[in-house]
C-alpha cells in the first residue's frame, strides 16, 4: 500500500496507538489539552518534516 492511499494521518494515528503515545504523553504530566496539542504537532511534524512553515498551516 502507498501512504497516499491509506492516508498519512491514519498511518501516524495507528503508529501512535501501537506505541501507546497517549500513555507516554500522560507520563509527562501534561494536562489533556496540552497532550492533545502535542499529539497534533507530532503528527504534523511527521507528515511535513522539512518545513516548519508547512507544519504551522
PDB file of N, CA and C in Angstrom:
ATOM      1  N   UNK A   1       0.828  -1.189   0.000  1.00  0.00           N
ATOM      2  CA  UNK A   1       0.000   0.000   0.000  1.00  0.00           C
ATOM      3  C   UNK A   1       0.865   1.242   0.000  1.00  0.00           C
ATOM      4  N   UNK A   2       0.364   2.253  -0.642  1.00  0.00           N
ATOM      5  CA  UNK A   2       1.038   3.543  -0.650  1.00  0.00           C
ATOM      6  C   UNK A   2       0.413   4.430   0.414  1.00  0.00           C
ATOM      7  N   UNK A   3       1.223   5.277   1.020  1.00  0.00           N
ATOM      8  CA  UNK A   3       0.731   6.167   2.068  1.00  0.00           C
ATOM      9  C   UNK A   3      -0.408   7.034   1.554  1.00  0.00           C
ATOM     10  N   UNK A   4      -0.325   7.476   0.302  1.00  0.00           N
ATOM     11  CA  UNK A   4      -1.374   8.340  -0.249  1.00  0.00           C
ATOM     12  C   UNK A   4      -2.723   7.633  -0.275  1.00  0.00           C
ATOM     13  N   UNK A   5      -2.733   6.321  -0.417  1.00  0.00           N
ATOM     14  CA  UNK A   5      -3.995   5.583  -0.486  1.00  0.00           C
ATOM     15  C   UNK A   5      -4.625   5.392   0.885  1.00  0.00           C
ATOM     16  N   UNK A   6      -3.819   5.199   1.913  1.00  0.00           N
ATOM     17  CA  UNK A   6      -4.395   4.957   3.230  1.00  0.00           C
ATOM     18  C   UNK A   6      -4.406   6.212   4.094  1.00  0.00           C
ATOM     19  N   UNK A   7      -3.672   7.221   3.716  1.00  0.00           N
ATOM     20  CA  UNK A   7      -3.666   8.485   4.431  1.00  0.00           C
ATOM     21  C   UNK A   7      -2.567   8.556   5.476  1.00  0.00           C
ATOM     22  N   UNK A   8      -1.765   9.591   5.357  1.00  0.00           N
ATOM     23  CA  UNK A   8      -0.670   9.779   6.294  1.00  0.00           C
ATOM     24  C   UNK A   8      -1.148   9.955   7.718  1.00  0.00           C
ATOM     25  N   UNK A   9      -2.249  10.679   7.887  1.00  0.00           N
ATOM     26  CA  UNK A   9      -2.773  10.918   9.231  1.00  0.00           C
ATOM     27  C   UNK A   9      -3.185   9.607   9.890  1.00  0.00           C
ATOM     28  N   UNK A  10      -3.835   8.750   9.117  1.00  0.00           N
ATOM     29  CA  UNK A  10      -4.261   7.458   9.658  1.00  0.00           C
ATOM     30  C   UNK A  10      -3.040   6.632  10.055  1.00  0.00           C
ATOM     31  N   UNK A  11      -2.024   6.660   9.214  1.00  0.00           N
ATOM     32  CA  UNK A  11      -0.812   5.895   9.486  1.00  0.00           C
ATOM     33  C   UNK A  11      -0.141   6.374  10.773  1.00  0.00           C
ATOM     34  N   UNK A  12      -0.054   7.691  10.959  1.00  0.00           N
ATOM     35  CA  UNK A  12       0.531   8.242  12.179  1.00  0.00           C
ATOM     36  C   UNK A  12      -0.330   7.889  13.388  1.00  0.00           C
ATOM     37  N   UNK A  13      -1.658   7.959  13.232  1.00  0.00           N
ATOM     38  CA  UNK A  13      -2.570   7.608  14.331  1.00  0.00           C
ATOM     39  C   UNK A  13      -2.379   6.151  14.738  1.00  0.00           C
ATOM     40  N   UNK A  14      -2.278   5.284  13.761  1.00  0.00           N
ATOM     41  CA  UNK A  14      -2.087   3.864  14.037  1.00  0.00           C
ATOM     42  C   UNK A  14      -0.748   3.626  14.752  1.00  0.00           C
ATOM     43  N   UNK A  15       0.303   4.267  14.277  1.00  0.00           N
ATOM     44  CA  UNK A  15       1.615   4.125  14.917  1.00  0.00           C
ATOM     45  C   UNK A  15       1.573   4.669  16.342  1.00  0.00           C
ATOM     46  N   UNK A  16       0.886   5.784  16.527  1.00  0.00           N
ATOM     47  CA  UNK A  16       0.760   6.388  17.850  1.00  0.00           C
ATOM     48  C   UNK A  16       0.045   5.450  18.818  1.00  0.00           C
ATOM     49  N   UNK A  17      -1.013   4.819  18.347  1.00  0.00           N
ATOM     50  CA  UNK A  17      -1.745   3.871  19.186  1.00  0.00           C
ATOM     51  C   UNK A  17      -0.886   2.644  19.492  1.00  0.00           C
ATOM     52  N   UNK A  18      -0.164   2.153  18.491  1.00  0.00           N
ATOM     53  CA  UNK A  18       0.692   0.984  18.668  1.00  0.00           C
ATOM     54  C   UNK A  18       1.805   1.265  19.685  1.00  0.00           C
ATOM     55  N   UNK A  19       2.361   2.471  19.618  1.00  0.00           N
ATOM     56  CA  UNK A  19       3.444   2.855  20.529  1.00  0.00           C
ATOM     57  C   UNK A  19       2.931   3.402  21.860  1.00  0.00           C
ATOM     58  N   UNK A  20       1.603   3.459  22.001  1.00  0.00           N
ATOM     59  CA  UNK A  20       0.955   3.968  23.217  1.00  0.00           C
ATOM     60  C   UNK A  20       1.450   5.366  23.581  1.00  0.00           C
ATOM     61  N   UNK A  21       1.446   6.250  22.583  1.00  0.00           N
ATOM     62  CA  UNK A  21       1.897   7.624  22.797  1.00  0.00           C
ATOM     63  C   UNK A  21       1.039   8.368  23.811  1.00  0.00           C
ATOM     64  N   UNK A  22      -0.242   8.056  23.907  1.00  0.00           N
ATOM     65  CA  UNK A  22      -1.097   8.711  24.899  1.00  0.00           C
ATOM     66  C   UNK A  22      -0.549   8.490  26.304  1.00  0.00           C
ATOM     67  N   UNK A  23      -0.145   7.260  26.595  1.00  0.00           N
ATOM     68  CA  UNK A  23       0.407   6.950  27.916  1.00  0.00           C
ATOM     69  C   UNK A  23       1.726   7.681  28.152  1.00  0.00           C
ATOM     70  N   UNK A  24       2.530   7.759  27.112  1.00  0.00           N
ATOM     71  CA  UNK A  24       3.816   8.458  27.231  1.00  0.00           C
ATOM     72  C   UNK A  24       3.583   9.937  27.503  1.00  0.00           C
ATOM     73  N   UNK A  25       2.637  10.544  26.782  1.00  0.00           N
ATOM     74  CA  UNK A  25       2.356  11.957  26.993  1.00  0.00           C
ATOM     75  C   UNK A  25       1.745  12.205  28.370  1.00  0.00           C
ATOM     76  N   UNK A  26       0.911  11.294  28.839  1.00  0.00           N
ATOM     77  CA  UNK A  26       0.331  11.438  30.182  1.00  0.00           C
ATOM     78  C   UNK A  26       1.408  11.312  31.250  1.00  0.00           C
ATOM     79  N   UNK A  27       2.413  10.496  30.988  1.00  0.00           N
ATOM     80  CA  UNK A  27       3.501  10.324  31.952  1.00  0.00           C
ATOM     81  C   UNK A  27       4.322  11.603  32.111  1.00  0.00           C
ATOM     82  N   UNK A  28       4.253  12.495  31.128  1.00  0.00           N
ATOM     83  CA  UNK A  28       4.968  13.770  31.225  1.00  0.00           C
ATOM     84  C   UNK A  28       4.189  14.771  32.069  1.00  0.00           C
ATOM     85  N   UNK A  29       3.016  14.364  32.547  1.00  0.00           N
ATOM     86  CA  UNK A  29       2.155  15.170  33.402  1.00  0.00           C
ATOM     87  C   UNK A  29       1.573  16.386  32.683  1.00  0.00           C
ATOM     88  N   UNK A  30       1.429  16.281  31.368  1.00  0.00           N
ATOM     89  CA  UNK A  30       0.727  17.320  30.624  1.00  0.00           C
ATOM     90  C   UNK A  30      -0.764  17.172  30.879  1.00  0.00           C
ATOM     91  N   UNK A  31      -1.471  18.292  30.916  1.00  0.00           N
ATOM     92  CA  UNK A  31      -2.920  18.152  31.028  1.00  0.00           C
ATOM     93  C   UNK A  31      -3.459  17.650  29.685  1.00  0.00           C
ATOM     94  N   UNK A  32      -4.710  17.243  29.653  1.00  0.00           N
ATOM     95  CA  UNK A  32      -5.283  16.616  28.456  1.00  0.00           C
ATOM     96  C   UNK A  32      -5.190  17.515  27.232  1.00  0.00           C
ATOM     97  N   UNK A  33      -5.423  18.825  27.436  1.00  0.00           N
ATOM     98  CA  UNK A  33      -5.386  19.756  26.312  1.00  0.00           C
ATOM     99  C   UNK A  33      -3.981  19.838  25.708  1.00  0.00           C
ATOM    100  N   UNK A  34      -2.968  19.976  26.560  1.00  0.00           N
ATOM    101  CA  UNK A  34      -1.594  20.050  26.063  1.00  0.00           C
ATOM    102  C   UNK A  34      -1.138  18.732  25.451  1.00  0.00           C
ATOM    103  N   UNK A  35      -1.582  17.614  25.990  1.00  0.00           N
ATOM    104  CA  UNK A  35      -1.234  16.311  25.423  1.00  0.00           C
ATOM    105  C   UNK A  35      -1.822  16.173  24.023  1.00  0.00           C
ATOM    106  N   UNK A  36      -3.045  16.664  23.837  1.00  0.00           N
ATOM    107  CA  UNK A  36      -3.671  16.611  22.512  1.00  0.00           C
ATOM    108  C   UNK A  36      -2.934  17.515  21.525  1.00  0.00           C
ATOM    109  N   UNK A  37      -2.548  18.696  21.974  1.00  0.00           N
ATOM    110  CA  UNK A  37      -1.785  19.610  21.115  1.00  0.00           C
ATOM    111  C   UNK A  37      -0.445  18.984  20.746  1.00  0.00           C
ATOM    112  N   UNK A  38       0.219  18.353  21.701  1.00  0.00           N
ATOM    113  CA  UNK A  38       1.498  17.692  21.427  1.00  0.00           C
ATOM    114  C   UNK A  38       1.322  16.601  20.383  1.00  0.00           C
ATOM    115  N   UNK A  39       0.248  15.837  20.491  1.00  0.00           N
ATOM    116  CA  UNK A  39      -0.021  14.772  19.521  1.00  0.00           C
ATOM    117  C   UNK A  39      -0.256  15.358  18.120  1.00  0.00           C
ATOM    118  N   UNK A  40      -0.981  16.450  18.047  1.00  0.00           N
ATOM    119  CA  UNK A  40      -1.232  17.113  16.761  1.00  0.00           C
ATOM    120  C   UNK A  40       0.077  17.615  16.163  1.00  0.00           C
ATOM    121  N   UNK A  41       0.918  18.236  16.982  1.00  0.00           N
ATOM    122  CA  UNK A  41       2.203  18.732  16.484  1.00  0.00           C
ATOM    123  C   UNK A  41       3.116  17.604  16.031  1.00  0.00           C
ATOM    124  N   UNK A  42       3.129  16.507  16.773  1.00  0.00           N
ATOM    125  CA  UNK A  42       3.929  15.352  16.352  1.00  0.00           C
ATOM    126  C   UNK A  42       3.449  14.812  15.005  1.00  0.00           C
ATOM    127  N   UNK A  43       2.138  14.735  14.837  1.00  0.00           N
ATOM    128  CA  UNK A  43       1.574  14.267  13.567  1.00  0.00           C
ATOM    129  C   UNK A  43       1.989  15.194  12.431  1.00  0.00           C
ATOM    130  N   UNK A  44       1.865  16.492  12.659  1.00  0.00           N
ATOM    131  CA  UNK A  44       2.228  17.468  11.627  1.00  0.00           C
ATOM    132  C   UNK A  44       3.704  17.371  11.268  1.00  0.00           C
ATOM    133  N   UNK A  45       4.556  17.226  12.278  1.00  0.00           N
ATOM    134  CA  UNK A  45       5.996  17.145  12.002  1.00  0.00           C
ATOM    135  C   UNK A  45       6.367  15.859  11.269  1.00  0.00           C
ATOM    136  N   UNK A  46       5.664  14.772  11.558  1.00  0.00           N
ATOM    137  CA  UNK A  46       5.935  13.521  10.850  1.00  0.00           C
ATOM    138  C   UNK A  46       5.484  13.593   9.398  1.00  0.00           C
ATOM    139  N   UNK A  47       4.395  14.316   9.138  1.00  0.00           N
ATOM    140  CA  UNK A  47       3.888  14.416   7.777  1.00  0.00           C
ATOM    141  C   UNK A  47       4.634  15.455   6.949  1.00  0.00           C
ATOM    142  N   UNK A  48       5.172  16.480   7.598  1.00  0.00           N
ATOM    143  CA  UNK A  48       5.892  17.553   6.903  1.00  0.00           C
ATOM    144  C   UNK A  48       7.192  17.849   7.647  1.00  0.00           C
ATOM    145  N   UNK A  49       8.131  16.905   7.634  1.00  0.00           N
ATOM    146  CA  UNK A  49       9.322  17.031   8.480  1.00  0.00           C
ATOM    147  C   UNK A  49      10.284  18.148   8.090  1.00  0.00           C
ATOM    148  N   UNK A  50      10.281  18.576   6.864  1.00  0.00           N
ATOM    149  CA  UNK A  50      11.300  19.537   6.446  1.00  0.00           C
ATOM    150  C   UNK A  50      10.808  20.972   6.448  1.00  0.00           C
ATOM    151  N   UNK A  51       9.571  21.197   6.839  1.00  0.00           N
ATOM    152  CA  UNK A  51       9.050  22.536   6.721  1.00  0.00           C
ATOM    153  C   UNK A  51       8.281  22.954   7.981  1.00  0.00           C
ATOM    154  N   UNK A  52       8.877  23.864   8.756  1.00  0.00           N
ATOM    155  CA  UNK A  52       8.169  24.407   9.912  1.00  0.00           C
ATOM    156  C   UNK A  52       6.990  25.243   9.460  1.00  0.00           C
ATOM    157  N   UNK A  53       7.137  25.962   8.370  1.00  0.00           N
ATOM    158  CA  UNK A  53       6.041  26.769   7.848  1.00  0.00           C
ATOM    159  C   UNK A  53       4.859  25.877   7.475  1.00  0.00           C
ATOM    160  N   UNK A  54       5.124  24.759   6.823  1.00  0.00           N
ATOM    161  CA  UNK A  54       4.056  23.838   6.442  1.00  0.00           C
ATOM    162  C   UNK A  54       3.391  23.231   7.681  1.00  0.00           C
ATOM    163  N   UNK A  55       4.183  22.974   8.721  1.00  0.00           N
ATOM    164  CA  UNK A  55       3.646  22.416   9.958  1.00  0.00           C
ATOM    165  C   UNK A  55       2.670  23.395  10.610  1.00  0.00           C
ATOM    166  N   UNK A  56       2.959  24.696  10.539  1.00  0.00           N
ATOM    167  CA  UNK A  56       2.107  25.709  11.160  1.00  0.00           C
ATOM    168  C   UNK A  56       0.781  25.873  10.433  1.00  0.00           C
ATOM    169  N   UNK A  57       0.698  25.476   9.198  1.00  0.00           N
ATOM    170  CA  UNK A  57      -0.547  25.649   8.429  1.00  0.00           C
ATOM    171  C   UNK A  57      -1.529  24.673   8.880  1.00  0.00           C
TER     172      UNK A  57
END
